Amino acid sequence: MNKFLPLLILVALLGCDEDGTATIDVVKKRVNNQIQTLVGRGDIALQKYDNKIKKVKNDLVKVKVSRKTFEQKLANKKSSLANL
């Protein structure tokens, strides 16, 4: 990772034209491949799966909360209409 830092600084100084962005993309892919080789692709896949489960659970909680608030607002609206 440290050997790519000067290259990234050089690319940043040259500007981000098409060649610069392509160089950054290539460096990013190589670093990702090195990390995946160190950690292992199976571990990364498991972590991605765990992250997806956490995201789905968080979204489910948000849906439940918004449903409860909607039901409360609906009940208030019905009662206010009944009072008219």
N, C-alpha and C. Protein backbone atom coordinates (compact mmCIF):
# COMPACT_ATOMS: atom_id res chain seq x y z
N MET A 1 0.83 -1.18 0.00
CA MET A 1 0.00 0.00 0.00
C MET A 1 0.87 1.24 0.00
N ASN A 2 1.95 1.22 0.78
CA ASN A 2 2.82 2.39 0.87
C ASN A 2 3.52 2.69 -0.45
N LYS A 3 3.76 1.65 -1.25
CA LYS A 3 4.44 1.90 -2.52
C LYS A 3 3.52 2.56 -3.55
N PHE A 4 2.21 2.51 -3.33
CA PHE A 4 1.27 3.16 -4.24
C PHE A 4 1.00 4.61 -3.87
N LEU A 5 1.33 5.00 -2.66
CA LEU A 5 1.04 6.36 -2.20
C LEU A 5 1.74 7.43 -3.04
N PRO A 6 3.04 7.30 -3.35
CA PRO A 6 3.65 8.33 -4.22
C PRO A 6 3.00 8.40 -5.60
N LEU A 7 2.59 7.25 -6.11
CA LEU A 7 1.93 7.23 -7.41
C LEU A 7 0.60 7.97 -7.36
N LEU A 8 -0.14 7.75 -6.29
CA LEU A 8 -1.41 8.45 -6.14
C LEU A 8 -1.22 9.95 -6.00
N ILE A 9 -0.20 10.36 -5.27
CA ILE A 9 0.09 11.79 -5.12
C ILE A 9 0.47 12.39 -6.47
N LEU A 10 1.28 11.67 -7.24
CA LEU A 10 1.68 12.14 -8.56
C LEU A 10 0.47 12.29 -9.48
N VAL A 11 -0.41 11.32 -9.46
CA VAL A 11 -1.61 11.38 -10.29
C VAL A 11 -2.51 12.53 -9.86
N ALA A 12 -2.61 12.74 -8.56
CA ALA A 12 -3.44 13.84 -8.06
C ALA A 12 -2.88 15.19 -8.49
N LEU A 13 -1.55 15.30 -8.50
CA LEU A 13 -0.93 16.56 -8.91
C LEU A 13 -1.09 16.80 -10.41
N LEU A 14 -1.09 15.74 -11.20
CA LEU A 14 -1.23 15.89 -12.65
C LEU A 14 -2.66 16.23 -13.05
N GLY A 15 -3.58 15.99 -12.18
CA GLY A 15 -4.98 16.26 -12.50
C GLY A 15 -5.70 14.96 -12.80
N CYS A 16 -6.98 15.06 -12.83
CA CYS A 16 -7.78 13.86 -13.03
C CYS A 16 -8.40 13.87 -14.42
N ASP A 17 -7.56 13.76 -15.45
CA ASP A 17 -8.10 13.59 -16.78
C ASP A 17 -8.40 12.11 -16.99
N GLU A 18 -8.66 11.70 -18.20
CA GLU A 18 -9.03 10.30 -18.44
C GLU A 18 -7.90 9.35 -18.05
N ASP A 19 -6.67 9.71 -18.38
CA ASP A 19 -5.54 8.85 -18.02
C ASP A 19 -5.36 8.76 -16.51
N GLY A 20 -5.55 9.89 -15.85
CA GLY A 20 -5.41 9.91 -14.39
C GLY A 20 -6.45 9.05 -13.71
N THR A 21 -7.71 9.18 -14.15
CA THR A 21 -8.76 8.36 -13.53
C THR A 21 -8.57 6.89 -13.86
N ALA A 22 -8.09 6.59 -15.07
CA ALA A 22 -7.83 5.19 -15.43
C ALA A 22 -6.72 4.62 -14.56
N THR A 23 -5.69 5.42 -14.33
CA THR A 23 -4.58 4.98 -13.48
C THR A 23 -5.06 4.72 -12.06
N ILE A 24 -5.88 5.63 -11.55
CA ILE A 24 -6.41 5.44 -10.20
C ILE A 24 -7.26 4.18 -10.13
N ASP A 25 -8.08 3.92 -11.16
CA ASP A 25 -8.90 2.72 -11.17
C ASP A 25 -8.05 1.46 -11.18
N VAL A 26 -6.97 1.46 -11.97
CA VAL A 26 -6.09 0.29 -12.02
C VAL A 26 -5.43 0.06 -10.67
N VAL A 27 -4.94 1.14 -10.06
CA VAL A 27 -4.29 1.02 -8.75
C VAL A 27 -5.29 0.50 -7.72
N LYS A 28 -6.52 1.02 -7.79
CA LYS A 28 -7.55 0.59 -6.85
C LYS A 28 -7.85 -0.91 -7.00
N LYS A 29 -7.94 -1.38 -8.24
CA LYS A 29 -8.19 -2.81 -8.48
C LYS A 29 -7.05 -3.67 -7.95
N ARG A 30 -5.81 -3.20 -8.18
CA ARG A 30 -4.66 -3.98 -7.71
C ARG A 30 -4.63 -4.05 -6.19
N VAL A 31 -4.90 -2.92 -5.54
CA VAL A 31 -4.91 -2.91 -4.08
C VAL A 31 -6.02 -3.81 -3.56
N ASN A 32 -7.21 -3.74 -4.19
CA ASN A 32 -8.31 -4.61 -3.77
C ASN A 32 -7.95 -6.07 -3.96
N ASN A 33 -7.30 -6.41 -5.06
CA ASN A 33 -6.90 -7.80 -5.29
C ASN A 33 -5.89 -8.26 -4.26
N GLN A 34 -4.95 -7.38 -3.89
CA GLN A 34 -3.96 -7.74 -2.88
C GLN A 34 -4.63 -7.96 -1.52
N ILE A 35 -5.57 -7.10 -1.19
CA ILE A 35 -6.29 -7.25 0.08
C ILE A 35 -7.10 -8.54 0.08
N GLN A 36 -7.77 -8.83 -1.03
CA GLN A 36 -8.56 -10.05 -1.12
C GLN A 36 -7.68 -11.29 -1.03
N THR A 37 -6.48 -11.21 -1.59
CA THR A 37 -5.56 -12.33 -1.50
C THR A 37 -5.11 -12.54 -0.06
N LEU A 38 -4.84 -11.44 0.65
CA LEU A 38 -4.42 -11.55 2.04
C LEU A 38 -5.53 -12.09 2.93
N VAL A 39 -6.72 -11.53 2.79
CA VAL A 39 -7.82 -11.87 3.68
C VAL A 39 -8.48 -13.17 3.26
N GLY A 40 -8.70 -13.30 1.99
CA GLY A 40 -9.40 -14.47 1.48
C GLY A 40 -10.77 -14.06 0.95
N ARG A 41 -11.08 -14.55 -0.22
CA ARG A 41 -12.34 -14.16 -0.87
C ARG A 41 -13.55 -14.69 -0.11
N GLY A 42 -13.43 -15.83 0.52
CA GLY A 42 -14.55 -16.38 1.28
C GLY A 42 -14.92 -15.50 2.47
N ASP A 43 -13.91 -15.01 3.16
CA ASP A 43 -14.16 -14.12 4.30
C ASP A 43 -14.84 -12.83 3.85
N ILE A 44 -14.40 -12.31 2.71
CA ILE A 44 -14.99 -11.08 2.19
C ILE A 44 -16.44 -11.33 1.81
N ALA A 45 -16.72 -12.47 1.18
CA ALA A 45 -18.10 -12.80 0.80
C ALA A 45 -18.99 -12.93 2.03
N LEU A 46 -18.48 -13.56 3.08
CA LEU A 46 -19.25 -13.69 4.32
C LEU A 46 -19.54 -12.33 4.94
N GLN A 47 -18.55 -11.44 4.93
CA GLN A 47 -18.74 -10.11 5.49
C GLN A 47 -19.75 -9.31 4.68
N LYS A 48 -19.70 -9.44 3.36
CA LYS A 48 -20.68 -8.76 2.52
C LYS A 48 -22.09 -9.27 2.82
N TYR A 49 -22.22 -10.57 3.04
CA TYR A 49 -23.51 -11.17 3.38
C TYR A 49 -24.01 -10.64 4.72
N ASP A 50 -23.11 -10.58 5.71
CA ASP A 50 -23.49 -10.05 7.02
C ASP A 50 -23.91 -8.59 6.93
N ASN A 51 -23.18 -7.81 6.14
CA ASN A 51 -23.53 -6.40 5.96
C ASN A 51 -24.90 -6.25 5.31
N LYS A 52 -25.19 -7.11 4.35
CA LYS A 52 -26.49 -7.06 3.67
C LYS A 52 -27.61 -7.40 4.65
N ILE A 53 -27.39 -8.39 5.51
CA ILE A 53 -28.41 -8.76 6.50
C ILE A 53 -28.65 -7.60 7.45
N LYS A 54 -27.59 -6.93 7.91
CA LYS A 54 -27.74 -5.78 8.80
C LYS A 54 -28.53 -4.67 8.13
N LYS A 55 -28.25 -4.42 6.85
CA LYS A 55 -28.94 -3.37 6.11
C LYS A 55 -30.43 -3.70 5.98
N VAL A 56 -30.74 -4.94 5.67
CA VAL A 56 -32.14 -5.35 5.53
C VAL A 56 -32.87 -5.22 6.87
N LYS A 57 -32.21 -5.61 7.97
CA LYS A 57 -32.84 -5.48 9.29
C LYS A 57 -33.09 -4.02 9.64
N ASN A 58 -32.13 -3.15 9.33
CA ASN A 58 -32.32 -1.72 9.60
C ASN A 58 -33.47 -1.15 8.78
N ASP A 59 -33.56 -1.56 7.52
CA ASP A 59 -34.66 -1.10 6.68
C ASP A 59 -35.99 -1.61 7.20
N LEU A 60 -36.01 -2.83 7.72
CA LEU A 60 -37.24 -3.41 8.27
C LEU A 60 -37.70 -2.63 9.49
N VAL A 61 -36.76 -2.24 10.34
CA VAL A 61 -37.10 -1.45 11.52
C VAL A 61 -37.69 -0.11 11.08
N LYS A 62 -37.10 0.51 10.06
CA LYS A 62 -37.61 1.79 9.57
C LYS A 62 -39.03 1.64 9.03
N VAL A 63 -39.30 0.55 8.34
CA VAL A 63 -40.64 0.32 7.81
C VAL A 63 -41.64 0.13 8.94
N LYS A 64 -41.25 -0.62 9.97
CA LYS A 64 -42.15 -0.82 11.11
C LYS A 64 -42.45 0.49 11.81
N VAL A 65 -41.44 1.33 12.00
CA VAL A 65 -41.62 2.61 12.67
C VAL A 65 -42.51 3.52 11.84
N SER A 66 -42.25 3.58 10.54
CA SER A 66 -43.07 4.45 9.69
C SER A 66 -44.50 3.94 9.62
N ARG A 67 -44.71 2.64 9.70
CA ARG A 67 -46.06 2.07 9.70
C ARG A 67 -46.80 2.49 10.96
N LYS A 68 -46.11 2.43 12.10
CA LYS A 68 -46.75 2.81 13.37
C LYS A 68 -47.12 4.29 13.37
N THR A 69 -46.22 5.13 12.89
CA THR A 69 -46.53 6.57 12.86
C THR A 69 -47.66 6.85 11.88
N PHE A 70 -47.69 6.13 10.77
CA PHE A 70 -48.77 6.30 9.80
C PHE A 70 -50.11 5.89 10.41
N GLU A 71 -50.11 4.77 11.14
CA GLU A 71 -51.35 4.31 11.77
C GLU A 71 -51.83 5.32 12.81
N GLN A 72 -50.91 5.91 13.56
CA GLN A 72 -51.29 6.92 14.55
C GLN A 72 -51.87 8.16 13.86
N LYS A 73 -51.24 8.60 12.80
CA LYS A 73 -51.74 9.76 12.07
C LYS A 73 -53.11 9.47 11.46
N LEU A 74 -53.29 8.26 10.95
CA LEU A 74 -54.56 7.87 10.36
C LEU A 74 -55.66 7.84 11.41
N ALA A 75 -55.34 7.30 12.59
CA ALA A 75 -56.33 7.26 13.67
C ALA A 75 -56.70 8.68 14.10
N ASN A 76 -55.71 9.56 14.20
CA ASN A 76 -55.99 10.95 14.56
C ASN A 76 -56.86 11.63 13.51
N LYS A 77 -56.58 11.36 12.26
CA LYS A 77 -57.36 11.95 11.17
C LYS A 77 -58.80 11.45 11.20
N LYS A 78 -58.98 10.14 11.44
CA LYS A 78 -60.33 9.57 11.52
C LYS A 78 -61.11 10.17 12.67
N SER A 79 -60.44 10.33 13.82
CA SER A 79 -61.14 10.89 14.98
C SER A 79 -61.48 12.36 14.75
N SER A 80 -60.60 13.10 14.09
CA SER A 80 -60.91 14.51 13.81
C SER A 80 -62.04 14.64 12.79
N LEU A 81 -62.10 13.73 11.84
CA LEU A 81 -63.20 13.75 10.87
C LEU A 81 -64.51 13.32 11.51
N ALA A 82 -64.44 12.40 12.46
CA ALA A 82 -65.65 11.95 13.15
C ALA A 82 -66.22 13.05 14.04
N ASN A 83 -65.35 13.91 14.56
CA ASN A 83 -65.80 15.00 15.42
C ASN A 83 -66.47 16.12 14.64
N LEU A 84 -66.25 16.18 13.34
CA LEU A 84 -66.88 17.22 12.53
C LEU A 84 -68.30 16.89 12.37
